[in-house]
C-alpha cells in the first residue's frame, strides 16, 4: 500500500478537500464524486459524506492508497 502523510495545520479538513490537497483528484468537485462513488474509507469504514471532517489521527484509504492525517510536530 502506498502511504501519504498529510500534516494538518488546522482543527480539521473536509474529506473532499483532503483528496484534492493530497493530489488524488484535481478539484474539490472531483473529490466529492470520488466519495459519492463509495470507494473512500475513513478508519476502515466506507464514508459517503463528502464534507466529512477529518481530524489528526485518522486514516483515509482509497483502493491501495492510504492517507495518514497527522498533527504538526
C-alpha atoms as a PDB file:
ATOM      1  CA  UNK A   1       0.000   0.000   0.000  1.00  0.00           C
ATOM      2  CA  UNK A   2       1.219   3.477  -0.875  1.00  0.00           C
ATOM      3  CA  UNK A   3       1.095   5.731   2.184  1.00  0.00           C
ATOM      4  CA  UNK A   4       0.755   9.518   2.045  1.00  0.00           C
ATOM      5  CA  UNK A   5       1.314  11.550   5.209  1.00  0.00           C
ATOM      6  CA  UNK A   6      -0.750  14.735   5.399  1.00  0.00           C
ATOM      7  CA  UNK A   7       0.178  17.265   8.076  1.00  0.00           C
ATOM      8  CA  UNK A   8      -2.965  19.003   9.311  1.00  0.00           C
ATOM      9  CA  UNK A   9      -2.405  22.708  10.036  1.00  0.00           C
ATOM     10  CA  UNK A  10      -5.921  23.356  11.442  1.00  0.00           C
ATOM     11  CA  UNK A  11      -8.575  21.553  13.512  1.00  0.00           C
ATOM     12  CA  UNK A  12      -9.915  19.508  10.585  1.00  0.00           C
ATOM     13  CA  UNK A  13     -10.052  19.234   6.809  1.00  0.00           C
ATOM     14  CA  UNK A  14     -13.110  18.260   4.779  1.00  0.00           C
ATOM     15  CA  UNK A  15     -12.755  14.878   3.106  1.00  0.00           C
ATOM     16  CA  UNK A  16     -13.203  16.145  -0.455  1.00  0.00           C
ATOM     17  CA  UNK A  17     -10.573  18.848   0.153  1.00  0.00           C
ATOM     18  CA  UNK A  18      -8.141  16.303   1.634  1.00  0.00           C
ATOM     19  CA  UNK A  19      -8.355  14.277  -1.571  1.00  0.00           C
ATOM     20  CA  UNK A  20      -7.593  17.435  -3.557  1.00  0.00           C
ATOM     21  CA  UNK A  21      -4.741  18.598  -1.291  1.00  0.00           C
ATOM     22  CA  UNK A  22      -3.016  15.202  -1.462  1.00  0.00           C
ATOM     23  CA  UNK A  23      -3.241  15.147  -5.255  1.00  0.00           C
ATOM     24  CA  UNK A  24      -5.594  12.177  -5.505  1.00  0.00           C
ATOM     25  CA  UNK A  25      -8.026  14.286  -7.539  1.00  0.00           C
ATOM     26  CA  UNK A  26      -7.855  17.575  -9.442  1.00  0.00           C
ATOM     27  CA  UNK A  27     -10.533  19.538  -7.591  1.00  0.00           C
ATOM     28  CA  UNK A  28     -12.871  19.538  -4.622  1.00  0.00           C
ATOM     29  CA  UNK A  29     -15.715  18.660  -7.005  1.00  0.00           C
ATOM     30  CA  UNK A  30     -13.816  15.631  -8.263  1.00  0.00           C
ATOM     31  CA  UNK A  31     -13.213  14.694  -4.622  1.00  0.00           C
ATOM     32  CA  UNK A  32     -16.954  14.831  -3.961  1.00  0.00           C
ATOM     33  CA  UNK A  33     -17.595  12.488  -6.900  1.00  0.00           C
ATOM     34  CA  UNK A  34     -14.938  10.082  -5.653  1.00  0.00           C
ATOM     35  CA  UNK A  35     -16.515   9.999  -2.180  1.00  0.00           C
ATOM     36  CA  UNK A  36     -20.013   9.550  -3.653  1.00  0.00           C
ATOM     37  CA  UNK A  37     -18.800   6.538  -5.640  1.00  0.00           C
ATOM     38  CA  UNK A  38     -18.273   4.622  -2.374  1.00  0.00           C
ATOM     39  CA  UNK A  39     -14.556   3.846  -2.761  1.00  0.00           C
ATOM     40  CA  UNK A  40     -13.317   6.095   0.066  1.00  0.00           C
ATOM     41  CA  UNK A  41     -12.909   4.677   3.574  1.00  0.00           C
ATOM     42  CA  UNK A  42     -12.229   6.578   6.788  1.00  0.00           C
ATOM     43  CA  UNK A  43     -10.713   4.444   9.548  1.00  0.00           C
ATOM     44  CA  UNK A  44     -11.822   1.323   7.654  1.00  0.00           C
ATOM     45  CA  UNK A  45     -15.480   2.328   7.163  1.00  0.00           C
ATOM     46  CA  UNK A  46     -16.961   3.461   3.836  1.00  0.00           C
ATOM     47  CA  UNK A  47     -17.614   7.205   4.044  1.00  0.00           C
ATOM     48  CA  UNK A  48     -20.256   8.791   1.797  1.00  0.00           C
ATOM     49  CA  UNK A  49     -20.359  12.248   3.432  1.00  0.00           C
ATOM     50  CA  UNK A  50     -18.397  14.410   1.007  1.00  0.00           C
ATOM     51  CA  UNK A  51     -17.549  17.091   3.558  1.00  0.00           C
ATOM     52  CA  UNK A  52     -16.911  14.764   6.492  1.00  0.00           C
ATOM     53  CA  UNK A  53     -14.483  16.410   8.932  1.00  0.00           C
ATOM     54  CA  UNK A  54     -11.157  14.589   9.043  1.00  0.00           C
ATOM     55  CA  UNK A  55      -9.020  15.135  12.141  1.00  0.00           C
ATOM     56  CA  UNK A  56      -5.414  14.294  13.036  1.00  0.00           C
ATOM     57  CA  UNK A  57      -5.048  10.598  13.850  1.00  0.00           C
ATOM     58  CA  UNK A  58      -7.492   9.396  11.207  1.00  0.00           C
ATOM     59  CA  UNK A  59      -6.632   7.334   8.135  1.00  0.00           C
ATOM     60  CA  UNK A  60      -8.325   7.661   4.761  1.00  0.00           C
ATOM     61  CA  UNK A  61      -7.944   4.877   2.186  1.00  0.00           C
ATOM     62  CA  UNK A  62      -8.811   4.575  -1.484  1.00  0.00           C
ATOM     63  CA  UNK A  63      -8.016   1.225  -3.067  1.00  0.00           C
ATOM     64  CA  UNK A  64      -4.306   0.663  -2.271  1.00  0.00           C
ATOM     65  CA  UNK A  65      -3.527   4.252  -1.246  1.00  0.00           C
ATOM     66  CA  UNK A  66      -3.606   5.352   2.389  1.00  0.00           C
ATOM     67  CA  UNK A  67      -3.569   8.899   3.751  1.00  0.00           C
ATOM     68  CA  UNK A  68      -2.357   9.235   7.329  1.00  0.00           C
ATOM     69  CA  UNK A  69      -3.509  12.561   8.815  1.00  0.00           C
ATOM     70  CA  UNK A  70      -1.090  13.816  11.446  1.00  0.00           C
ATOM     71  CA  UNK A  71      -0.810  16.851  13.706  1.00  0.00           C
ATOM     72  CA  UNK A  72       2.180  19.154  13.144  1.00  0.00           C
ATOM     73  CA  UNK A  73       5.255  18.433  15.243  1.00  0.00           C
END
